[in-house]
Amino acid sequence: MDPLAIKFEEEIRAKMLHAKKECRYNPTRFNQMIAKYGGVETAKRLIANALQTGNTSDGFTTLCLYGRLDLTMENSVCKPEYQSLFSPEEIAYCKEVLG
């Protein structure tokens, strides 16, 4: 696996732990998807679904309610160091939902 993809996955896994501890939110489905597809592919699938349905993920909504958009996968996608992993459309979507 690409070292950058590994770093991205490690970051979003760490964010999951923070969300569980700080917001009492356990993103079970998200964790299962990462285990099955890896972090980058999970992000791509969730973004594609959101673009198709017009709805953000349950996890994004929950973290938004807690005021913790910094813990979202979308926040990580927008970081300059990870942008080579995603398409301009995927990055634009994440920037849009983050405001």
Foldseek 3Di string as FASTA:
>chain_A
DDPLLVVLQVLLVVLQVCCCVVVVDHPVVLVVCCVVPNDLVSLVVQLVVCVVVVDHDPVCVSCVVVVNNVSDSLVSCLDPSNVVSDDPVSVVSSVVVVD
